[in-house]
Full PDB file with SEQRES, HELIX, SHEET, SSBOND, CRYST1, ORIGX, SCALE, CONECT and MASTER records, all heavy atoms in Angstrom:
SEQRES   1 A   32  SER GLU LEU GLY PRO ILE VAL GLN PHE VAL LYS ALA LYS          
SEQRES   2 A   32  GLY HIS SER LEU SER ASP GLY LEU ASP GLU VAL GLN LYS          
SEQRES   3 A   32  ALA GLU MET LYS ALA TYR                                      
HELIX    1 AA1 LEU A    3  ALA A   12  1                                  10    
HELIX    2 AA2 GLU A   23  ALA A   31  1                                   9    
CRYST1    1.000    1.000    1.000  90.00  90.00  90.00 P 1           1          
ORIGX1      1.000000  0.000000  0.000000        0.00000                         
ORIGX2      0.000000  1.000000  0.000000        0.00000                         
ORIGX3      0.000000  0.000000  1.000000        0.00000                         
SCALE1      1.000000  0.000000  0.000000        0.00000                         
SCALE2      0.000000  1.000000  0.000000        0.00000                         
SCALE3      0.000000  0.000000  1.000000        0.00000                         
ATOM      1  N   SER A   1       7.205  62.613  23.740  1.00  0.00           N  
ATOM      2  CA  SER A   1       7.021  61.643  24.831  1.00  0.00           C  
ATOM      3  C   SER A   1       7.329  60.222  24.378  1.00  0.00           C  
ATOM      4  O   SER A   1       7.160  59.882  23.204  1.00  0.00           O  
ATOM      5  CB  SER A   1       5.590  61.707  25.365  1.00  0.00           C  
ATOM      6  OG  SER A   1       4.668  61.367  24.353  1.00  0.00           O  
ATOM      7  N   GLU A   2       7.786  59.411  25.328  1.00  0.00           N  
ATOM      8  CA  GLU A   2       8.063  57.974  25.177  1.00  0.00           C  
ATOM      9  C   GLU A   2       9.343  57.706  24.379  1.00  0.00           C  
ATOM     10  O   GLU A   2       9.749  58.495  23.533  1.00  0.00           O  
ATOM     11  CB  GLU A   2       6.872  57.239  24.556  1.00  0.00           C  
ATOM     12  CG  GLU A   2       5.587  57.367  25.385  1.00  0.00           C  
ATOM     13  CD  GLU A   2       4.421  56.689  24.703  1.00  0.00           C  
ATOM     14  OE1 GLU A   2       4.382  55.451  24.756  1.00  0.00           O  
ATOM     15  OE2 GLU A   2       3.582  57.381  24.113  1.00  0.00           O  
ATOM     16  N   LEU A   3       9.967  56.554  24.694  1.00  0.00           N  
ATOM     17  CA  LEU A   3      11.294  56.247  24.166  1.00  0.00           C  
ATOM     18  C   LEU A   3      11.349  56.213  22.638  1.00  0.00           C  
ATOM     19  O   LEU A   3      12.238  56.830  22.046  1.00  0.00           O  
ATOM     20  CB  LEU A   3      11.792  54.904  24.739  1.00  0.00           C  
ATOM     21  CG  LEU A   3      13.184  54.461  24.269  1.00  0.00           C  
ATOM     22  CD1 LEU A   3      14.259  55.448  24.681  1.00  0.00           C  
ATOM     23  CD2 LEU A   3      13.520  53.068  24.793  1.00  0.00           C  
ATOM     24  N   GLY A   4      10.422  55.500  21.978  1.00  0.00           N  
ATOM     25  CA  GLY A   4      10.470  55.372  20.511  1.00  0.00           C  
ATOM     26  C   GLY A   4      10.505  56.715  19.794  1.00  0.00           C  
ATOM     27  O   GLY A   4      11.443  56.996  19.023  1.00  0.00           O  
ATOM     28  N   PRO A   5       9.507  57.586  20.035  1.00  0.00           N  
ATOM     29  CA  PRO A   5       9.520  58.910  19.408  1.00  0.00           C  
ATOM     30  C   PRO A   5      10.730  59.768  19.814  1.00  0.00           C  
ATOM     31  O   PRO A   5      11.248  60.531  18.998  1.00  0.00           O  
ATOM     32  CB  PRO A   5       8.215  59.544  19.906  1.00  0.00           C  
ATOM     33  CG  PRO A   5       7.315  58.379  20.187  1.00  0.00           C  
ATOM     34  CD  PRO A   5       8.223  57.305  20.708  1.00  0.00           C  
ATOM     35  N   ILE A   6      11.199  59.617  21.062  1.00  0.00           N  
ATOM     36  CA  ILE A   6      12.368  60.388  21.511  1.00  0.00           C  
ATOM     37  C   ILE A   6      13.609  59.942  20.741  1.00  0.00           C  
ATOM     38  O   ILE A   6      14.427  60.767  20.320  1.00  0.00           O  
ATOM     39  CB  ILE A   6      12.568  60.250  23.039  1.00  0.00           C  
ATOM     40  CG1 ILE A   6      11.457  61.031  23.775  1.00  0.00           C  
ATOM     41  CG2 ILE A   6      13.938  60.753  23.481  1.00  0.00           C  
ATOM     42  CD1 ILE A   6      11.383  60.793  25.273  1.00  0.00           C  
ATOM     43  N   VAL A   7      13.746  58.622  20.508  1.00  0.00           N  
ATOM     44  CA  VAL A   7      14.876  58.106  19.717  1.00  0.00           C  
ATOM     45  C   VAL A   7      14.846  58.708  18.311  1.00  0.00           C  
ATOM     46  O   VAL A   7      15.884  59.147  17.778  1.00  0.00           O  
ATOM     47  CB  VAL A   7      14.836  56.557  19.645  1.00  0.00           C  
ATOM     48  CG1 VAL A   7      15.811  56.026  18.588  1.00  0.00           C  
ATOM     49  CG2 VAL A   7      15.162  55.953  21.013  1.00  0.00           C  
ATOM     50  N   GLN A   8      13.655  58.746  17.687  1.00  0.00           N  
ATOM     51  CA  GLN A   8      13.522  59.316  16.344  1.00  0.00           C  
ATOM     52  C   GLN A   8      13.833  60.812  16.330  1.00  0.00           C  
ATOM     53  O   GLN A   8      14.496  61.322  15.417  1.00  0.00           O  
ATOM     54  CB  GLN A   8      12.096  59.077  15.802  1.00  0.00           C  
ATOM     55  CG  GLN A   8      11.770  57.626  15.525  1.00  0.00           C  
ATOM     56  CD  GLN A   8      12.773  56.955  14.599  1.00  0.00           C  
ATOM     57  OE1 GLN A   8      13.150  57.499  13.570  1.00  0.00           O  
ATOM     58  NE2 GLN A   8      13.236  55.770  14.987  1.00  0.00           N  
ATOM     59  N   PHE A   9      13.363  61.521  17.349  1.00  0.00           N  
ATOM     60  CA  PHE A   9      13.607  62.964  17.477  1.00  0.00           C  
ATOM     61  C   PHE A   9      15.110  63.242  17.604  1.00  0.00           C  
ATOM     62  O   PHE A   9      15.656  64.125  16.933  1.00  0.00           O  
ATOM     63  CB  PHE A   9      12.858  63.486  18.715  1.00  0.00           C  
ATOM     64  CG  PHE A   9      13.186  64.911  19.083  1.00  0.00           C  
ATOM     65  CD1 PHE A   9      12.648  65.971  18.368  1.00  0.00           C  
ATOM     66  CD2 PHE A   9      14.019  65.191  20.160  1.00  0.00           C  
ATOM     67  CE1 PHE A   9      12.952  67.291  18.710  1.00  0.00           C  
ATOM     68  CE2 PHE A   9      14.324  66.490  20.520  1.00  0.00           C  
ATOM     69  CZ  PHE A   9      13.793  67.549  19.788  1.00  0.00           C  
ATOM     70  N   VAL A  10      15.784  62.467  18.445  1.00  0.00           N  
ATOM     71  CA  VAL A  10      17.221  62.643  18.662  1.00  0.00           C  
ATOM     72  C   VAL A  10      17.998  62.293  17.389  1.00  0.00           C  
ATOM     73  O   VAL A  10      18.975  62.960  17.033  1.00  0.00           O  
ATOM     74  CB  VAL A  10      17.686  61.781  19.873  1.00  0.00           C  
ATOM     75  CG1 VAL A  10      19.206  61.699  19.951  1.00  0.00           C  
ATOM     76  CG2 VAL A  10      17.128  62.355  21.184  1.00  0.00           C  
ATOM     77  N   LYS A  11      17.526  61.256  16.681  1.00  0.00           N  
ATOM     78  CA  LYS A  11      18.180  60.862  15.424  1.00  0.00           C  
ATOM     79  C   LYS A  11      18.088  61.981  14.385  1.00  0.00           C  
ATOM     80  O   LYS A  11      19.042  62.234  13.640  1.00  0.00           O  
ATOM     81  CB  LYS A  11      17.529  59.586  14.887  1.00  0.00           C  
ATOM     82  CG  LYS A  11      18.264  58.993  13.692  1.00  0.00           C  
ATOM     83  CD  LYS A  11      17.656  57.672  13.248  1.00  0.00           C  
ATOM     84  CE  LYS A  11      18.460  57.089  12.104  1.00  0.00           C  
ATOM     85  NZ  LYS A  11      17.924  55.806  11.640  1.00  0.00           N  
ATOM     86  N   ALA A  12      16.930  62.638  14.347  1.00  0.00           N  
ATOM     87  CA  ALA A  12      16.741  63.746  13.400  1.00  0.00           C  
ATOM     88  C   ALA A  12      17.693  64.905  13.710  1.00  0.00           C  
ATOM     89  O   ALA A  12      18.000  65.714  12.831  1.00  0.00           O  
ATOM     90  CB  ALA A  12      15.291  64.226  13.443  1.00  0.00           C  
ATOM     91  N   LYS A  13      18.137  64.977  14.948  1.00  0.00           N  
ATOM     92  CA  LYS A  13      19.099  66.016  15.335  1.00  0.00           C  
ATOM     93  C   LYS A  13      20.549  65.565  15.125  1.00  0.00           C  
ATOM     94  O   LYS A  13      21.491  66.269  15.496  1.00  0.00           O  
ATOM     95  CB  LYS A  13      18.882  66.405  16.798  1.00  0.00           C  
ATOM     96  CG  LYS A  13      17.590  67.191  17.026  1.00  0.00           C  
ATOM     97  CD  LYS A  13      17.605  67.922  18.338  1.00  0.00           C  
ATOM     98  CE  LYS A  13      16.478  68.923  18.454  1.00  0.00           C  
ATOM     99  NZ  LYS A  13      16.584  70.064  17.536  1.00  0.00           N  
ATOM    100  N   GLY A  14      20.712  64.347  14.582  1.00  0.00           N  
ATOM    101  CA  GLY A  14      22.054  63.889  14.230  1.00  0.00           C  
ATOM    102  C   GLY A  14      22.738  63.014  15.254  1.00  0.00           C  
ATOM    103  O   GLY A  14      23.943  62.781  15.184  1.00  0.00           O  
ATOM    104  N   HIS A  15      21.965  62.496  16.233  1.00  0.00           N  
ATOM    105  CA  HIS A  15      22.555  61.625  17.260  1.00  0.00           C  
ATOM    106  C   HIS A  15      21.874  60.253  17.184  1.00  0.00           C  
ATOM    107  O   HIS A  15      20.660  60.170  17.303  1.00  0.00           O  
ATOM    108  CB  HIS A  15      22.349  62.206  18.659  1.00  0.00           C  
ATOM    109  CG  HIS A  15      22.835  63.617  18.808  1.00  0.00           C  
ATOM    110  ND1 HIS A  15      24.136  63.935  19.150  1.00  0.00           N  
ATOM    111  CD2 HIS A  15      22.184  64.796  18.642  1.00  0.00           C  
ATOM    112  CE1 HIS A  15      24.259  65.253  19.203  1.00  0.00           C  
ATOM    113  NE2 HIS A  15      23.102  65.793  18.894  1.00  0.00           N  
ATOM    114  N   SER A  16      22.668  59.190  17.009  1.00  0.00           N  
ATOM    115  CA  SER A  16      22.088  57.844  16.950  1.00  0.00           C  
ATOM    116  C   SER A  16      23.024  56.835  17.588  1.00  0.00           C  
ATOM    117  O   SER A  16      24.242  56.959  17.485  1.00  0.00           O  
ATOM    118  CB  SER A  16      21.805  57.450  15.502  1.00  0.00           C  
ATOM    119  OG  SER A  16      21.349  56.118  15.442  1.00  0.00           O  
ATOM    120  N   LEU A  17      22.436  55.844  18.259  1.00  0.00           N  
ATOM    121  CA  LEU A  17      23.240  54.774  18.857  1.00  0.00           C  
ATOM    122  C   LEU A  17      23.320  53.551  17.958  1.00  0.00           C  
ATOM    123  O   LEU A  17      24.170  52.696  18.153  1.00  0.00           O  
ATOM    124  CB  LEU A  17      22.629  54.352  20.209  1.00  0.00           C  
ATOM    125  CG  LEU A  17      22.643  55.373  21.347  1.00  0.00           C  
ATOM    126  CD1 LEU A  17      21.964  54.789  22.576  1.00  0.00           C  
ATOM    127  CD2 LEU A  17      24.058  55.825  21.689  1.00  0.00           C  
ATOM    128  N   SER A  18      22.427  53.469  16.975  1.00  0.00           N  
ATOM    129  CA  SER A  18      22.344  52.225  16.188  1.00  0.00           C  
ATOM    130  C   SER A  18      22.775  52.398  14.729  1.00  0.00           C  
ATOM    131  O   SER A  18      22.539  51.515  13.913  1.00  0.00           O  
ATOM    132  CB  SER A  18      20.916  51.661  16.248  1.00  0.00           C  
ATOM    133  OG  SER A  18      19.971  52.645  15.922  1.00  0.00           O  
ATOM    134  N   ASP A  19      23.431  53.509  14.402  1.00  0.00           N  
ATOM    135  CA  ASP A  19      23.890  53.710  13.020  1.00  0.00           C  
ATOM    136  C   ASP A  19      24.897  52.667  12.577  1.00  0.00           C  
ATOM    137  O   ASP A  19      24.993  52.334  11.399  1.00  0.00           O  
ATOM    138  CB  ASP A  19      24.527  55.108  12.875  1.00  0.00           C  
ATOM    139  CG  ASP A  19      23.469  56.163  12.575  1.00  0.00           C  
ATOM    140  OD1 ASP A  19      22.304  55.778  12.376  1.00  0.00           O  
ATOM    141  OD2 ASP A  19      23.806  57.366  12.560  1.00  0.00           O  
ATOM    142  N   GLY A  20      25.655  52.119  13.542  1.00  0.00           N  
ATOM    143  CA  GLY A  20      26.693  51.145  13.198  1.00  0.00           C  
ATOM    144  C   GLY A  20      26.159  49.745  12.929  1.00  0.00           C  
ATOM    145  O   GLY A  20      26.911  48.863  12.514  1.00  0.00           O  
ATOM    146  N   LEU A  21      24.865  49.523  13.157  1.00  0.00           N  
ATOM    147  CA  LEU A  21      24.277  48.193  12.948  1.00  0.00           C  
ATOM    148  C   LEU A  21      23.869  48.014  11.488  1.00  0.00           C  
ATOM    149  O   LEU A  21      23.444  48.967  10.830  1.00  0.00           O  
ATOM    150  CB  LEU A  21      23.047  48.000  13.840  1.00  0.00           C  
ATOM    151  CG  LEU A  21      23.213  48.180  15.356  1.00  0.00           C  
ATOM    152  CD1 LEU A  21      21.901  47.860  16.057  1.00  0.00           C  
ATOM    153  CD2 LEU A  21      24.328  47.316  15.907  1.00  0.00           C  
ATOM    154  N   ASP A  22      23.976  46.771  10.993  1.00  0.00           N  
ATOM    155  CA  ASP A  22      23.451  46.515   9.646  1.00  0.00           C  
ATOM    156  C   ASP A  22      21.936  46.276   9.727  1.00  0.00           C  
ATOM    157  O   ASP A  22      21.367  46.270  10.817  1.00  0.00           O  
ATOM    158  CB  ASP A  22      24.183  45.326   8.993  1.00  0.00           C  
ATOM    159  CG  ASP A  22      24.019  44.031   9.788  1.00  0.00           C  
ATOM    160  OD1 ASP A  22      22.945  43.809  10.373  1.00  0.00           O  
ATOM    161  OD2 ASP A  22      24.983  43.226   9.805  1.00  0.00           O  
ATOM    162  N   GLU A  23      21.308  46.081   8.588  1.00  0.00           N  
ATOM    163  CA  GLU A  23      19.836  45.983   8.551  1.00  0.00           C  
ATOM    164  C   GLU A  23      19.308  44.789   9.348  1.00  0.00           C  
ATOM    165  O   GLU A  23      18.272  44.868  10.004  1.00  0.00           O  
ATOM    166  CB  GLU A  23      19.343  45.914   7.098  1.00  0.00           C  
ATOM    167  CG  GLU A  23      19.523  47.204   6.322  1.00  0.00           C  
ATOM    168  CD  GLU A  23      18.954  48.423   7.048  1.00  0.00           C  
ATOM    169  OE1 GLU A  23      17.780  48.369   7.467  1.00  0.00           O  
ATOM    170  OE2 GLU A  23      19.681  49.416   7.208  1.00  0.00           O  
ATOM    171  N   VAL A  24      20.035  43.676   9.283  1.00  0.00           N  
ATOM    172  CA  VAL A  24      19.616  42.476  10.027  1.00  0.00           C  
ATOM    173  C   VAL A  24      19.680  42.747  11.530  1.00  0.00           C  
ATOM    174  O   VAL A  24      18.758  42.404  12.288  1.00  0.00           O  
ATOM    175  CB  VAL A  24      20.501  41.261   9.658  1.00  0.00           C  
ATOM    176  CG1 VAL A  24      20.164  40.062  10.540  1.00  0.00           C  
ATOM    177  CG2 VAL A  24      20.314  40.906   8.184  1.00  0.00           C  
ATOM    178  N   GLN A  25      20.761  43.389  11.976  1.00  0.00           N  
ATOM    179  CA  GLN A  25      20.914  43.709  13.399  1.00  0.00           C  
ATOM    180  C   GLN A  25      19.852  44.705  13.862  1.00  0.00           C  
ATOM    181  O   GLN A  25      19.320  44.580  14.969  1.00  0.00           O  
ATOM    182  CB  GLN A  25      22.314  44.272  13.661  1.00  0.00           C  
ATOM    183  CG  GLN A  25      23.418  43.237  13.555  1.00  0.00           C  
ATOM    184  CD  GLN A  25      24.804  43.867  13.660  1.00  0.00           C  
ATOM    185  OE1 GLN A  25      25.071  44.915  13.072  1.00  0.00           O  
ATOM    186  NE2 GLN A  25      25.678  43.225  14.423  1.00  0.00           N  
ATOM    187  N   LYS A  26      19.543  45.671  13.008  1.00  0.00           N  
ATOM    188  CA  LYS A  26      18.505  46.655  13.372  1.00  0.00           C  
ATOM    189  C   LYS A  26      17.147  45.968  13.537  1.00  0.00           C  
ATOM    190  O   LYS A  26      16.384  46.300  14.451  1.00  0.00           O  
ATOM    191  CB  LYS A  26      18.423  47.765  12.308  1.00  0.00           C  
ATOM    192  CG  LYS A  26      19.550  48.781  12.411  1.00  0.00           C  
ATOM    193  CD  LYS A  26      19.430  49.852  11.341  1.00  0.00           C  
ATOM    194  CE  LYS A  26      20.606  50.812  11.434  1.00  0.00           C  
ATOM    195  NZ  LYS A  26      20.612  51.790  10.327  1.00  0.00           N  
ATOM    196  N   ALA A  27      16.860  45.021  12.652  1.00  0.00           N  
ATOM    197  CA  ALA A  27      15.591  44.279  12.748  1.00  0.00           C  
ATOM    198  C   ALA A  27      15.566  43.444  14.024  1.00  0.00           C  
ATOM    199  O   ALA A  27      14.545  43.361  14.719  1.00  0.00           O  
ATOM    200  CB  ALA A  27      15.409  43.387  11.519  1.00  0.00           C  
ATOM    201  N   GLU A  28      16.712  42.844  14.357  1.00  0.00           N  
ATOM    202  CA  GLU A  28      16.806  42.037  15.573  1.00  0.00           C  
ATOM    203  C   GLU A  28      16.641  42.922  16.815  1.00  0.00           C  
ATOM    204  O   GLU A  28      15.945  42.558  17.764  1.00  0.00           O  
ATOM    205  CB  GLU A  28      18.163  41.315  15.612  1.00  0.00           C  
ATOM    206  CG  GLU A  28      18.242  40.276  16.721  1.00  0.00           C  
ATOM    207  CD  GLU A  28      19.609  39.611  16.806  1.00  0.00           C  
ATOM    208  OE1 GLU A  28      20.510  39.948  15.994  1.00  0.00           O  
ATOM    209  OE2 GLU A  28      19.777  38.767  17.699  1.00  0.00           O  
ATOM    210  N   MET A  29      17.282  44.083  16.784  1.00  0.00           N  
ATOM    211  CA  MET A  29      17.169  45.013  17.911  1.00  0.00           C  
ATOM    212  C   MET A  29      15.704  45.416  18.143  1.00  0.00           C  
ATOM    213  O   MET A  29      15.214  45.411  19.272  1.00  0.00           O  
ATOM    214  CB  MET A  29      18.010  46.270  17.651  1.00  0.00           C  
ATOM    215  CG  MET A  29      17.982  47.268  18.804  1.00  0.00           C  
ATOM    216  SD  MET A  29      18.799  48.827  18.401  1.00  0.00           S  
ATOM    217  CE  MET A  29      17.550  49.609  17.374  1.00  0.00           C  
ATOM    218  N   LYS A  30      15.007  45.716  17.066  1.00  0.00           N  
ATOM    219  CA  LYS A  30      13.589  46.104  17.180  1.00  0.00           C  
ATOM    220  C   LYS A  30      12.743  44.963  17.746  1.00  0.00           C  
ATOM    221  O   LYS A  30      11.825  45.186  18.531  1.00  0.00           O  
ATOM    222  CB  LYS A  30      13.048  46.551  15.816  1.00  0.00           C  
ATOM    223  CG  LYS A  30      13.496  47.956  15.441  1.00  0.00           C  
ATOM    224  CD  LYS A  30      12.964  48.383  14.092  1.00  0.00           C  
ATOM    225  CE  LYS A  30      13.501  49.759  13.726  1.00  0.00           C  
ATOM    226  NZ  LYS A  30      13.279  50.102  12.317  1.00  0.00           N  
ATOM    227  N   ALA A  31      13.059  43.739  17.326  1.00  0.00           N  
ATOM    228  CA  ALA A  31      12.304  42.571  17.804  1.00  0.00           C  
ATOM    229  C   ALA A  31      12.483  42.401  19.313  1.00  0.00           C  
ATOM    230  O   ALA A  31      11.523  42.129  20.040  1.00  0.00           O  
ATOM    231  CB  ALA A  31      12.759  41.313  17.066  1.00  0.00           C  
ATOM    232  N   TYR A  32      13.702  42.592  19.806  1.00  0.00           N  
ATOM    233  CA  TYR A  32      13.959  42.461  21.246  1.00  0.00           C  
ATOM    234  C   TYR A  32      13.321  43.616  22.028  1.00  0.00           C  
ATOM    235  O   TYR A  32      12.846  43.427  23.152  1.00  0.00           O  
ATOM    236  CB  TYR A  32      15.461  42.377  21.529  1.00  0.00           C  
ATOM    237  CG  TYR A  32      15.993  40.969  21.397  1.00  0.00           C  
ATOM    238  CD1 TYR A  32      16.615  40.544  20.221  1.00  0.00           C  
ATOM    239  CD2 TYR A  32      15.869  40.049  22.434  1.00  0.00           C  
ATOM    240  CE1 TYR A  32      17.098  39.250  20.083  1.00  0.00           C  
ATOM    241  CE2 TYR A  32      16.345  38.744  22.309  1.00  0.00           C  
ATOM    242  CZ  TYR A  32      16.953  38.354  21.138  1.00  0.00           C  
ATOM    243  OH  TYR A  32      17.416  37.058  21.004  1.00  0.00           O  
TER     244      TYR A  32                                                      
MASTER        0    0    0    2    0    0    0    6  243    1    0    3          
END                                                                             
C-alpha cells in the first residue's frame, strides 16, 4: 500500500523511473 512502498516494491522487480538521476537529483526529488 501507498506510493513510497509501491515504488520500492516495483524497483525490487527491476523497474525504476529514477535510476538515471545522480545522488544530488535523487535527494532533491525526495525533498520535493
